[in-house]
PDB file of N, CA and C in Angstrom:
ATOM      1  N   MET A   1       0.853  -1.169   0.000  1.00  0.00           N
ATOM      2  CA  MET A   1       0.000   0.000   0.000  1.00  0.00           C
ATOM      3  C   MET A   1       0.900   1.235   0.000  1.00  0.00           C
ATOM      4  N   SER A   2       0.535   2.192  -0.823  1.00  0.00           N
ATOM      5  CA  SER A   2       1.354   3.402  -0.934  1.00  0.00           C
ATOM      6  C   SER A   2       1.151   4.302   0.284  1.00  0.00           C
ATOM      7  N   SER A   3       2.054   5.236   0.420  1.00  0.00           N
ATOM      8  CA  SER A   3       1.994   6.184   1.536  1.00  0.00           C
ATOM      9  C   SER A   3       0.705   6.998   1.472  1.00  0.00           C
ATOM     10  N   THR A   4       0.310   7.397   0.272  1.00  0.00           N
ATOM     11  CA  THR A   4      -0.911   8.175   0.110  1.00  0.00           C
ATOM     12  C   THR A   4      -2.132   7.359   0.518  1.00  0.00           C
ATOM     13  N   SER A   5      -2.165   6.088   0.139  1.00  0.00           N
ATOM     14  CA  SER A   5      -3.278   5.216   0.520  1.00  0.00           C
ATOM     15  C   SER A   5      -3.317   5.030   2.040  1.00  0.00           C
ATOM     16  N   SER A   6      -2.145   4.887   2.648  1.00  0.00           N
ATOM     17  CA  SER A   6      -2.077   4.752   4.107  1.00  0.00           C
ATOM     18  C   SER A   6      -2.570   6.018   4.794  1.00  0.00           C
ATOM     19  N   ASP A   7      -2.213   7.169   4.240  1.00  0.00           N
ATOM     20  CA  ASP A   7      -2.682   8.443   4.790  1.00  0.00           C
ATOM     21  C   ASP A   7      -4.206   8.531   4.726  1.00  0.00           C
ATOM     22  N   LEU A   8      -4.758   8.154   3.566  1.00  0.00           N
ATOM     23  CA  LEU A   8      -6.210   8.196   3.388  1.00  0.00           C
ATOM     24  C   LEU A   8      -6.892   7.264   4.388  1.00  0.00           C
ATOM     25  N   LYS A   9      -6.361   6.071   4.527  1.00  0.00           N
ATOM     26  CA  LYS A   9      -6.934   5.099   5.451  1.00  0.00           C
ATOM     27  C   LYS A   9      -6.904   5.638   6.886  1.00  0.00           C
ATOM     28  N   ALA A  10      -5.794   6.250   7.275  1.00  0.00           N
ATOM     29  CA  ALA A  10      -5.653   6.811   8.621  1.00  0.00           C
ATOM     30  C   ALA A  10      -6.643   7.946   8.852  1.00  0.00           C
ATOM     31  N   ILE A  11      -6.816   8.801   7.856  1.00  0.00           N
ATOM     32  CA  ILE A  11      -7.753   9.925   7.969  1.00  0.00           C
ATOM     33  C   ILE A  11      -9.178   9.407   8.127  1.00  0.00           C
ATOM     34  N   LEU A  12      -9.544   8.423   7.323  1.00  0.00           N
ATOM     35  CA  LEU A  12     -10.898   7.878   7.391  1.00  0.00           C
ATOM     36  C   LEU A  12     -11.155   7.176   8.722  1.00  0.00           C
ATOM     37  N   ARG A  13     -10.181   6.421   9.200  1.00  0.00           N
ATOM     38  CA  ARG A  13     -10.327   5.745  10.487  1.00  0.00           C
ATOM     39  C   ARG A  13     -10.472   6.749  11.622  1.00  0.00           C
ATOM     40  N   LYS A  14      -9.683   7.805  11.572  1.00  0.00           N
ATOM     41  CA  LYS A  14      -9.767   8.826  12.615  1.00  0.00           C
ATOM     42  C   LYS A  14     -11.143   9.494  12.603  1.00  0.00           C
ATOM     43  N   THR A  15     -11.670   9.741  11.417  1.00  0.00           N
ATOM     44  CA  THR A  15     -12.992  10.345  11.291  1.00  0.00           C
ATOM     45  C   THR A  15     -14.062   9.445  11.886  1.00  0.00           C
ATOM     46  N   VAL A  16     -13.992   8.154  11.599  1.00  0.00           N
ATOM     47  CA  VAL A  16     -14.964   7.199  12.135  1.00  0.00           C
ATOM     48  C   VAL A  16     -14.842   7.103  13.652  1.00  0.00           C
ATOM     49  N   GLU A  17     -13.624   7.103  14.163  1.00  0.00           N
ATOM     50  CA  GLU A  17     -13.418   7.061  15.611  1.00  0.00           C
ATOM     51  C   GLU A  17     -14.010   8.297  16.287  1.00  0.00           C
ATOM     52  N   GLU A  18     -13.852   9.460  15.675  1.00  0.00           N
ATOM     53  CA  GLU A  18     -14.426  10.682  16.220  1.00  0.00           C
ATOM     54  C   GLU A  18     -15.951  10.624  16.197  1.00  0.00           C
ATOM     55  N   ASP A  19     -16.508  10.103  15.101  1.00  0.00           N
ATOM     56  CA  ASP A  19     -17.961   9.940  15.009  1.00  0.00           C
ATOM     57  C   ASP A  19     -18.464   9.015  16.113  1.00  0.00           C
ATOM     58  N   TYR A  20     -17.742   7.931  16.342  1.00  0.00           N
ATOM     59  CA  TYR A  20     -18.109   6.963  17.367  1.00  0.00           C
ATOM     60  C   TYR A  20     -18.102   7.619  18.754  1.00  0.00           C
ATOM     61  N   LYS A  21     -17.057   8.349  19.063  1.00  0.00           N
ATOM     62  CA  LYS A  21     -16.959   9.024  20.361  1.00  0.00           C
ATOM     63  C   LYS A  21     -18.103  10.024  20.546  1.00  0.00           C
ATOM     64  N   HIS A  22     -18.426  10.735  19.472  1.00  0.00           N
ATOM     65  CA  HIS A  22     -19.509  11.710  19.525  1.00  0.00           C
ATOM     66  C   HIS A  22     -20.847  11.012  19.778  1.00  0.00           C
ATOM     67  N   ARG A  23     -21.082   9.901  19.121  1.00  0.00           N
ATOM     68  CA  ARG A  23     -22.337   9.160  19.267  1.00  0.00           C
ATOM     69  C   ARG A  23     -22.472   8.581  20.681  1.00  0.00           C
ATOM     70  N   ILE A  24     -21.373   8.051  21.216  1.00  0.00           N
ATOM     71  CA  ILE A  24     -21.388   7.538  22.591  1.00  0.00           C
ATOM     72  C   ILE A  24     -21.721   8.673  23.568  1.00  0.00           C
ATOM     73  N   ALA A  25     -21.139   9.835  23.361  1.00  0.00           N
ATOM     74  CA  ALA A  25     -21.421  10.986  24.227  1.00  0.00           C
ATOM     75  C   ALA A  25     -22.896  11.381  24.132  1.00  0.00           C
ATOM     76  N   GLU A  26     -23.477  11.328  22.928  1.00  0.00           N
ATOM     77  CA  GLU A  26     -24.898  11.640  22.759  1.00  0.00           C
ATOM     78  C   GLU A  26     -25.767  10.670  23.554  1.00  0.00           C
ATOM     79  N   ILE A  27     -25.409   9.396  23.527  1.00  0.00           N
ATOM     80  CA  ILE A  27     -26.170   8.391  24.268  1.00  0.00           C
ATOM     81  C   ILE A  27     -26.060   8.647  25.764  1.00  0.00           C
ATOM     82  N   ASP A  28     -24.866   8.929  26.239  1.00  0.00           N
ATOM     83  CA  ASP A  28     -24.670   9.208  27.661  1.00  0.00           C
ATOM     84  C   ASP A  28     -25.465  10.438  28.102  1.00  0.00           C
ATOM     85  N   GLU A  29     -25.434  11.486  27.283  1.00  0.00           N
ATOM     86  CA  GLU A  29     -26.146  12.718  27.607  1.00  0.00           C
ATOM     87  C   GLU A  29     -27.664  12.532  27.568  1.00  0.00           C
ATOM     88  N   GLY A  30     -28.137  11.681  26.658  1.00  0.00           N
ATOM     89  CA  GLY A  30     -29.572  11.493  26.493  1.00  0.00           C
ATOM     90  C   GLY A  30     -30.143  10.278  27.190  1.00  0.00           C
ATOM     91  N   PHE A  31     -29.361   9.669  28.081  1.00  0.00           N
ATOM     92  CA  PHE A  31     -29.787   8.428  28.724  1.00  0.00           C
ATOM     93  C   PHE A  31     -31.159   8.551  29.386  1.00  0.00           C
ATOM     94  N   GLU A  32     -31.392   9.629  30.093  1.00  0.00           N
ATOM     95  CA  GLU A  32     -32.674   9.804  30.785  1.00  0.00           C
ATOM     96  C   GLU A  32     -33.837   9.882  29.792  1.00  0.00           C
ATOM     97  N   ARG A  33     -33.606  10.431  28.591  1.00  0.00           N
ATOM     98  CA  ARG A  33     -34.654  10.470  27.567  1.00  0.00           C
ATOM     99  C   ARG A  33     -35.016   9.056  27.120  1.00  0.00           C
ATOM    100  N   TYR A  34     -33.990   8.226  26.885  1.00  0.00           N
ATOM    101  CA  TYR A  34     -34.235   6.845  26.459  1.00  0.00           C
ATOM    102  C   TYR A  34     -35.004   6.091  27.539  1.00  0.00           C
ATOM    103  N   LYS A  35     -34.557   6.249  28.757  1.00  0.00           N
ATOM    104  CA  LYS A  35     -35.202   5.583  29.892  1.00  0.00           C
ATOM    105  C   LYS A  35     -36.651   6.043  30.009  1.00  0.00           C
ATOM    106  N   SER A  36     -36.875   7.324  29.898  1.00  0.00           N
ATOM    107  CA  SER A  36     -38.212   7.888  29.998  1.00  0.00           C
ATOM    108  C   SER A  36     -39.137   7.354  28.901  1.00  0.00           C
ATOM    109  N   LEU A  37     -38.627   7.255  27.684  1.00  0.00           N
ATOM    110  CA  LEU A  37     -39.447   6.726  26.588  1.00  0.00           C
ATOM    111  C   LEU A  37     -39.840   5.275  26.837  1.00  0.00           C
ATOM    112  N   ILE A  38     -38.894   4.472  27.271  1.00  0.00           N
ATOM    113  CA  ILE A  38     -39.185   3.059  27.548  1.00  0.00           C
ATOM    114  C   ILE A  38     -40.252   2.948  28.638  1.00  0.00           C
ATOM    115  N   LEU A  39     -40.108   3.725  29.705  1.00  0.00           N
ATOM    116  CA  LEU A  39     -41.072   3.663  30.796  1.00  0.00           C
ATOM    117  C   LEU A  39     -42.443   4.215  30.392  1.00  0.00           C
ATOM    118  N   LYS A  40     -42.451   5.247  29.554  1.00  0.00           N
ATOM    119  CA  LYS A  40     -43.705   5.815  29.080  1.00  0.00           C
ATOM    120  C   LYS A  40     -44.460   4.798  28.224  1.00  0.00           C
ATOM    121  N   ILE A  41     -43.742   4.103  27.345  1.00  0.00           N
ATOM    122  CA  ILE A  41     -44.373   3.093  26.497  1.00  0.00           C
ATOM    123  C   ILE A  41     -44.852   1.924  27.358  1.00  0.00           C
ATOM    124  N   ALA A  42     -44.063   1.544  28.352  1.00  0.00           N
ATOM    125  CA  ALA A  42     -44.462   0.453  29.251  1.00  0.00           C
ATOM    126  C   ALA A  42     -45.732   0.814  30.016  1.00  0.00           C
ATOM    127  N   GLU A  43     -45.818   2.041  30.459  1.00  0.00           N
ATOM    128  CA  GLU A  43     -46.969   2.495  31.245  1.00  0.00           C
ATOM    129  C   GLU A  43     -48.251   2.507  30.415  1.00  0.00           C
ATOM    130  N   THR A  44     -48.158   2.945  29.171  1.00  0.00           N
ATOM    131  CA  THR A  44     -49.349   3.084  28.329  1.00  0.00           C
ATOM    132  C   THR A  44     -49.593   1.868  27.437  1.00  0.00           C
ATOM    133  N   GLU A  45     -48.648   0.936  27.396  1.00  0.00           N
ATOM    134  CA  GLU A  45     -48.664  -0.268  26.576  1.00  0.00           C
ATOM    135  C   GLU A  45     -48.522   0.012  25.085  1.00  0.00           C
ATOM    136  N   LYS A  46     -48.784   1.205  24.663  1.00  0.00           N
ATOM    137  CA  LYS A  46     -48.488   1.651  23.302  1.00  0.00           C
ATOM    138  C   LYS A  46     -48.341   3.162  23.353  1.00  0.00           C
ATOM    139  N   TRP A  47     -47.571   3.678  22.448  1.00  0.00           N
ATOM    140  CA  TRP A  47     -47.336   5.114  22.448  1.00  0.00           C
ATOM    141  C   TRP A  47     -47.347   5.580  21.007  1.00  0.00           C
ATOM    142  N   ASP A  48     -48.077   6.647  20.728  1.00  0.00           N
ATOM    143  CA  ASP A  48     -48.211   7.142  19.368  1.00  0.00           C
ATOM    144  C   ASP A  48     -47.415   8.420  19.177  1.00  0.00           C
ATOM    145  N   LEU A  49     -46.724   8.485  18.039  1.00  0.00           N
ATOM    146  CA  LEU A  49     -45.977   9.680  17.657  1.00  0.00           C
ATOM    147  C   LEU A  49     -46.545  10.165  16.337  1.00  0.00           C
ATOM    148  N   LEU A  50     -47.136  11.347  16.338  1.00  0.00           N
ATOM    149  CA  LEU A  50     -47.733  11.917  15.137  1.00  0.00           C
ATOM    150  C   LEU A  50     -46.647  12.205  14.109  1.00  0.00           C
ATOM    151  N   ALA A  51     -46.794  11.663  12.906  1.00  0.00           N
ATOM    152  CA  ALA A  51     -45.807  11.862  11.838  1.00  0.00           C
ATOM    153  C   ALA A  51     -46.175  13.066  10.973  1.00  0.00           C
ATOM    154  N   TRP A  52     -47.440  13.190  10.631  1.00  0.00           N
ATOM    155  CA  TRP A  52     -47.933  14.378   9.932  1.00  0.00           C
ATOM    156  C   TRP A  52     -49.427  14.505  10.123  1.00  0.00           C
ATOM    157  N   PHE A  53     -49.892  15.732  10.034  1.00  0.00           N
ATOM    158  CA  PHE A  53     -51.311  16.018  10.179  1.00  0.00           C
ATOM    159  C   PHE A  53     -51.732  16.891   9.017  1.00  0.00           C
ATOM    160  N   GLU A  54     -52.574  16.370   8.161  1.00  0.00           N
ATOM    161  CA  GLU A  54     -53.060  17.073   6.967  1.00  0.00           C
ATOM    162  C   GLU A  54     -51.930  17.777   6.231  1.00  0.00           C
ATOM    163  N   GLY A  55     -50.850  17.046   5.983  1.00  0.00           N
ATOM    164  CA  GLY A  55     -49.757  17.568   5.174  1.00  0.00           C
ATOM    165  C   GLY A  55     -48.719  18.373   5.912  1.00  0.00           C
ATOM    166  N   THR A  56     -48.863  18.580   7.206  1.00  0.00           N
ATOM    167  CA  THR A  56     -47.855  19.324   7.966  1.00  0.00           C
ATOM    168  C   THR A  56     -47.130  18.371   8.909  1.00  0.00           C
ATOM    169  N   GLU A  57     -45.882  18.635   9.112  1.00  0.00           N
ATOM    170  CA  GLU A  57     -45.080  17.803  10.008  1.00  0.00           C
ATOM    171  C   GLU A  57     -45.044  18.450  11.385  1.00  0.00           C
ATOM    172  N   PRO A  58     -45.366  17.701  12.432  1.00  0.00           N
ATOM    173  CA  PRO A  58     -45.353  18.275  13.782  1.00  0.00           C
ATOM    174  C   PRO A  58     -43.949  18.666  14.229  1.00  0.00           C
ATOM    175  N   GLU A  59     -43.886  19.664  15.093  1.00  0.00           N
ATOM    176  CA  GLU A  59     -42.601  20.191  15.549  1.00  0.00           C
ATOM    177  C   GLU A  59     -41.814  19.206  16.404  1.00  0.00           C
ATOM    178  N   ASP A  60     -42.467  18.384  17.198  1.00  0.00           N
ATOM    179  CA  ASP A  60     -41.753  17.504  18.131  1.00  0.00           C
ATOM    180  C   ASP A  60     -41.327  16.180  17.505  1.00  0.00           C
ATOM    181  N   LEU A  61     -41.582  15.984  16.224  1.00  0.00           N
ATOM    182  CA  LEU A  61     -41.241  14.729  15.555  1.00  0.00           C
ATOM    183  C   LEU A  61     -39.747  14.445  15.638  1.00  0.00           C
ATOM    184  N   GLU A  62     -38.927  15.411  15.281  1.00  0.00           N
ATOM    185  CA  GLU A  62     -37.474  15.220  15.301  1.00  0.00           C
ATOM    186  C   GLU A  62     -36.955  14.956  16.707  1.00  0.00           C
ATOM    187  N   LYS A  63     -37.630  15.532  17.696  1.00  0.00           N
ATOM    188  CA  LYS A  63     -37.228  15.379  19.089  1.00  0.00           C
ATOM    189  C   LYS A  63     -37.218  13.905  19.492  1.00  0.00           C
ATOM    190  N   TYR A  64     -38.198  13.155  19.025  1.00  0.00           N
ATOM    191  CA  TYR A  64     -38.342  11.757  19.407  1.00  0.00           C
ATOM    192  C   TYR A  64     -37.813  10.770  18.369  1.00  0.00           C
ATOM    193  N   GLU A  65     -37.823  11.158  17.126  1.00  0.00           N
ATOM    194  CA  GLU A  65     -37.521  10.244  16.027  1.00  0.00           C
ATOM    195  C   GLU A  65     -36.159   9.560  16.160  1.00  0.00           C
ATOM    196  N   LYS A  66     -35.139  10.309  16.454  1.00  0.00           N
ATOM    197  CA  LYS A  66     -33.791   9.757  16.567  1.00  0.00           C
ATOM    198  C   LYS A  66     -33.678   8.794  17.756  1.00  0.00           C
ATOM    199  N   ASP A  67     -34.269   9.181  18.884  1.00  0.00           N
ATOM    200  CA  ASP A  67     -34.230   8.333  20.079  1.00  0.00           C
ATOM    201  C   ASP A  67     -34.986   7.028  19.847  1.00  0.00           C
ATOM    202  N   LEU A  68     -36.168   7.130  19.255  1.00  0.00           N
ATOM    203  CA  LEU A  68     -36.970   5.934  19.006  1.00  0.00           C
ATOM    204  C   LEU A  68     -36.326   5.031  17.967  1.00  0.00           C
ATOM    205  N   ASP A  69     -35.657   5.628  17.011  1.00  0.00           N
ATOM    206  CA  ASP A  69     -34.943   4.827  16.007  1.00  0.00           C
ATOM    207  C   ASP A  69     -33.860   3.980  16.674  1.00  0.00           C
ATOM    208  N   LEU A  70     -33.110   4.566  17.589  1.00  0.00           N
ATOM    209  CA  LEU A  70     -32.071   3.820  18.296  1.00  0.00           C
ATOM    210  C   LEU A  70     -32.684   2.717  19.161  1.00  0.00           C
ATOM    211  N   LEU A  71     -33.763   3.034  19.865  1.00  0.00           N
ATOM    212  CA  LEU A  71     -34.427   2.025  20.687  1.00  0.00           C
ATOM    213  C   LEU A  71     -34.982   0.888  19.827  1.00  0.00           C
ATOM    214  N   GLU A  72     -35.443   1.226  18.644  1.00  0.00           N
ATOM    215  CA  GLU A  72     -35.961   0.196  17.739  1.00  0.00           C
ATOM    216  C   GLU A  72     -34.826  -0.676  17.199  1.00  0.00           C
ATOM    217  N   ARG A  73     -33.715  -0.059  16.841  1.00  0.00           N
ATOM    218  CA  ARG A  73     -32.558  -0.819  16.358  1.00  0.00           C
ATOM    219  C   ARG A  73     -31.984  -1.714  17.447  1.00  0.00           C
ATOM    220  N   ALA A  74     -32.150  -1.313  18.710  1.00  0.00           N
ATOM    221  CA  ALA A  74     -31.680  -2.111  19.843  1.00  0.00           C
ATOM    222  C   ALA A  74     -32.691  -3.197  20.223  1.00  0.00           C
ATOM    223  N   ASP A  75     -33.770  -3.311  19.473  1.00  0.00           N
ATOM    224  CA  ASP A  75     -34.828  -4.305  19.706  1.00  0.00           C
ATOM    225  C   ASP A  75     -35.486  -4.132  21.075  1.00  0.00           C
ATOM    226  N   LEU A  76     -35.687  -2.876  21.467  1.00  0.00           N
ATOM    227  CA  LEU A  76     -36.382  -2.582  22.723  1.00  0.00           C
ATOM    228  C   LEU A  76     -37.812  -2.125  22.464  1.00  0.00           C
ATOM    229  N   VAL A  77     -38.028  -1.465  21.321  1.00  0.00           N
ATOM    230  CA  VAL A  77     -39.369  -1.056  20.908  1.00  0.00           C
ATOM    231  C   VAL A  77     -39.586  -1.464  19.461  1.00  0.00           C
ATOM    232  N   LYS A  78     -40.854  -1.524  19.092  1.00  0.00           N
ATOM    233  CA  LYS A  78     -41.223  -1.818  17.712  1.00  0.00           C
ATOM    234  C   LYS A  78     -42.243  -0.782  17.292  1.00  0.00           C
ATOM    235  N   GLY A  79     -41.966  -0.099  16.187  1.00  0.00           N
ATOM    236  CA  GLY A  79     -42.879   0.916  15.690  1.00  0.00           C
ATOM    237  C   GLY A  79     -43.548   0.473  14.401  1.00  0.00           C
ATOM    238  N   GLN A  80     -44.783   0.923  14.235  1.00  0.00           N
ATOM    239  CA  GLN A  80     -45.533   0.606  13.034  1.00  0.00           C
ATOM    240  C   GLN A  80     -46.238   1.871  12.564  1.00  0.00           C
ATOM    241  N   LEU A  81     -46.111   2.184  11.272  1.00  0.00           N
ATOM    242  CA  LEU A  81     -46.751   3.363  10.705  1.00  0.00           C
ATOM    243  C   LEU A  81     -48.231   3.070  10.491  1.00  0.00           C
ATOM    244  N   LYS A  82     -49.082   3.983  10.950  1.00  0.00           N
ATOM    245  CA  LYS A  82     -50.527   3.838  10.798  1.00  0.00           C
ATOM    246  C   LYS A  82     -51.089   5.131  10.223  1.00  0.00           C
ATOM    247  N   TYR A  83     -52.237   5.002   9.573  1.00  0.00           N
ATOM    248  CA  TYR A  83     -52.860   6.141   8.908  1.00  0.00           C
ATOM    249  C   TYR A  83     -54.313   6.303   9.334  1.00  0.00           C
ATOM    250  N   THR A  84     -54.759   7.557   9.361  1.00  0.00           N
ATOM    251  CA  THR A  84     -56.178   7.867   9.482  1.00  0.00           C
ATOM    252  C   THR A  84     -56.500   8.748   8.286  1.00  0.00           C
ATOM    253  N   GLU A  85     -57.697   9.284   8.225  1.00  0.00           N
ATOM    254  CA  GLU A  85     -58.064  10.139   7.092  1.00  0.00           C
ATOM    255  C   GLU A  85     -57.192  11.378   6.982  1.00  0.00           C
ATOM    256  N   ARG A  86     -56.801  11.925   8.109  1.00  0.00           N
ATOM    257  CA  ARG A  86     -56.112  13.217   8.089  1.00  0.00           C
ATOM    258  C   ARG A  86     -54.698  13.204   8.637  1.00  0.00           C
ATOM    259  N   ASN A  87     -54.229  12.063   9.114  1.00  0.00           N
ATOM    260  CA  ASN A  87     -52.882  12.070   9.671  1.00  0.00           C
ATOM    261  C   ASN A  87     -52.217  10.704   9.535  1.00  0.00           C
ATOM    262  N   ALA A  88     -50.963  10.696   9.855  1.00  0.00           N
ATOM    263  CA  ALA A  88     -50.189   9.457   9.936  1.00  0.00           C
ATOM    264  C   ALA A  88     -49.427   9.510  11.253  1.00  0.00           C
ATOM    265  N   PHE A  89     -49.260   8.349  11.856  1.00  0.00           N
ATOM    266  CA  PHE A  89     -48.530   8.300  13.118  1.00  0.00           C
ATOM    267  C   PHE A  89     -47.827   6.961  13.224  1.00  0.00           C
ATOM    268  N   ARG A  90     -46.811   6.927  14.064  1.00  0.00           N
ATOM    269  CA  ARG A  90     -46.130   5.674  14.369  1.00  0.00           C
ATOM    270  C   ARG A  90     -46.572   5.232  15.745  1.00  0.00           C
ATOM    271  N   GLU A  91     -47.013   3.998  15.810  1.00  0.00           N
ATOM    272  CA  GLU A  91     -47.442   3.418  17.073  1.00  0.00           C
ATOM    273  C   GLU A  91     -46.314   2.521  17.578  1.00  0.00           C
ATOM    274  N   TYR A  92     -45.872   2.766  18.813  1.00  0.00           N
ATOM    275  CA  TYR A  92     -44.755   2.028  19.392  1.00  0.00           C
ATOM    276  C   TYR A  92     -45.234   1.127  20.523  1.00  0.00           C
ATOM    277  N   HIS A  93     -44.669  -0.075  20.545  1.00  0.00           N
ATOM    278  CA  HIS A  93     -44.889  -1.048  21.606  1.00  0.00           C
ATOM    279  C   HIS A  93     -43.521  -1.532  22.065  1.00  0.00           C
ATOM    280  N   LEU A  94     -43.440  -1.978  23.298  1.00  0.00           N
ATOM    281  CA  LEU A  94     -42.198  -2.593  23.768  1.00  0.00           C
ATOM    282  C   LEU A  94     -42.090  -4.000  23.204  1.00  0.00           C
ATOM    283  N   THR A  95     -40.893  -4.395  22.856  1.00  0.00           N
ATOM    284  CA  THR A  95     -40.639  -5.780  22.491  1.00  0.00           C
ATOM    285  C   THR A  95     -40.539  -6.580  23.787  1.00  0.00           C
ATOM    286  N   LYS A  96     -40.408  -7.879  23.675  1.00  0.00           N
ATOM    287  CA  LYS A  96     -40.245  -8.710  24.872  1.00  0.00           C
ATOM    288  C   LYS A  96     -39.013  -8.246  25.645  1.00  0.00           C
ATOM    289  N   ARG A  97     -37.940  -7.995  24.917  1.00  0.00           N
ATOM    290  CA  ARG A  97     -36.697  -7.522  25.535  1.00  0.00           C
ATOM    291  C   ARG A  97     -36.923  -6.169  26.214  1.00  0.00           C
ATOM    292  N   GLY A  98     -37.648  -5.277  25.552  1.00  0.00           N
ATOM    293  CA  GLY A  98     -37.935  -3.962  26.105  1.00  0.00           C
ATOM    294  C   GLY A  98     -38.809  -4.032  27.345  1.00  0.00           C
ATOM    295  N   ALA A  99     -39.790  -4.936  27.334  1.00  0.00           N
ATOM    296  CA  ALA A  99     -40.671  -5.098  28.492  1.00  0.00           C
ATOM    297  C   ALA A  99     -39.893  -5.617  29.700  1.00  0.00           C
ATOM    298  N   GLU A 100     -38.985  -6.566  29.464  1.00  0.00           N
ATOM    299  CA  GLU A 100     -38.156  -7.086  30.555  1.00  0.00           C
ATOM    300  C   GLU A 100     -37.266  -5.989  31.125  1.00  0.00           C
ATOM    301  N   LEU A 101     -36.702  -5.173  30.252  1.00  0.00           N
ATOM    302  CA  LEU A 101     -35.857  -4.079  30.700  1.00  0.00           C
ATOM    303  C   LEU A 101     -36.665  -3.034  31.458  1.00  0.00           C
ATOM    304  N   ALA A 102     -37.871  -2.741  30.990  1.00  0.00           N
ATOM    305  CA  ALA A 102     -38.725  -1.762  31.669  1.00  0.00           C
ATOM    306  C   ALA A 102     -39.032  -2.205  33.096  1.00  0.00           C
ATOM    307  N   LYS A 103     -39.310  -3.489  33.286  1.00  0.00           N
ATOM    308  CA  LYS A 103     -39.569  -4.004  34.633  1.00  0.00           C
ATOM    309  C   LYS A 103     -38.365  -3.779  35.529  1.00  0.00           C
ATOM    310  N   LYS A 104     -37.171  -4.042  34.997  1.00  0.00           N
ATOM    311  CA  LYS A 104     -35.958  -3.836  35.784  1.00  0.00           C
ATOM    312  C   LYS A 104     -35.749  -2.354  36.093  1.00  0.00           C
ATOM    313  N   LEU A 105     -36.028  -1.499  35.111  1.00  0.00           N
ATOM    314  CA  LEU A 105     -35.865  -0.056  35.330  1.00  0.00           C
ATOM    315  C   LEU A 105     -36.826   0.436  36.415  1.00  0.00           C
ATOM    316  N   LEU A 106     -38.039  -0.092  36.412  1.00  0.00           N
ATOM    317  CA  LEU A 106     -39.029   0.304  37.425  1.00  0.00           C
ATOM    318  C   LEU A 106     -38.605  -0.105  38.828  1.00  0.00           C
ATOM    319  N   ASN A 107     -37.859  -1.176  38.925  1.00  0.00           N
ATOM    320  CA  ASN A 107     -37.416  -1.683  40.233  1.00  0.00           C
ATOM    321  C   ASN A 107     -36.086  -1.096  40.694  1.00  0.00           C
ATOM    322  N   GLU A 108     -35.507  -0.245  39.870  1.00  0.00           N
ATOM    323  CA  GLU A 108     -34.242   0.396  40.278  1.00  0.00           C
ATOM    324  C   GLU A 108     -34.495   1.366  41.424  1.00  0.00           C
ATOM    325  N   PRO A 109     -33.523   1.464  42.319  1.00  0.00           N
ATOM    326  CA  PRO A 109     -33.684   2.427  43.433  1.00  0.00           C
ATOM    327  C   PRO A 109     -33.592   3.855  42.948  1.00  0.00           C
TER     328      PRO A 109
END
C-alpha cells in the first residue's frame, strides 16, 4: 500500500473514531430520555408519535424520532406506521426484551 493510501486510510479511520466518540457521548447525555421513553411506552402499553397532520409535520417529531430509532434498532421497541383520514402516526410497543428491561428499570432504586 502506498503512503498516500495509508494516509487516506488513517484519515478515514480517525474520522470514524471521532464519530463513534460523539455518538457515545450523545447516548450518555440522552440516557434519561431513552429511559423515559421506555417507561412511558411500558406504562401506556403503546405510544403514538404523530408523523404528519393534513400535510404538515409536527414540531416535536425530530425530538423523538432519533431516540426511538435507536431504541428500535436495539430491539427494545417496535414501531408501526398507521394512517387515518387526516394524519399518519407511528405506534410504538415494547418488544419482549424492552418489556423485561422496563420491569428492571421500574425496580431500580
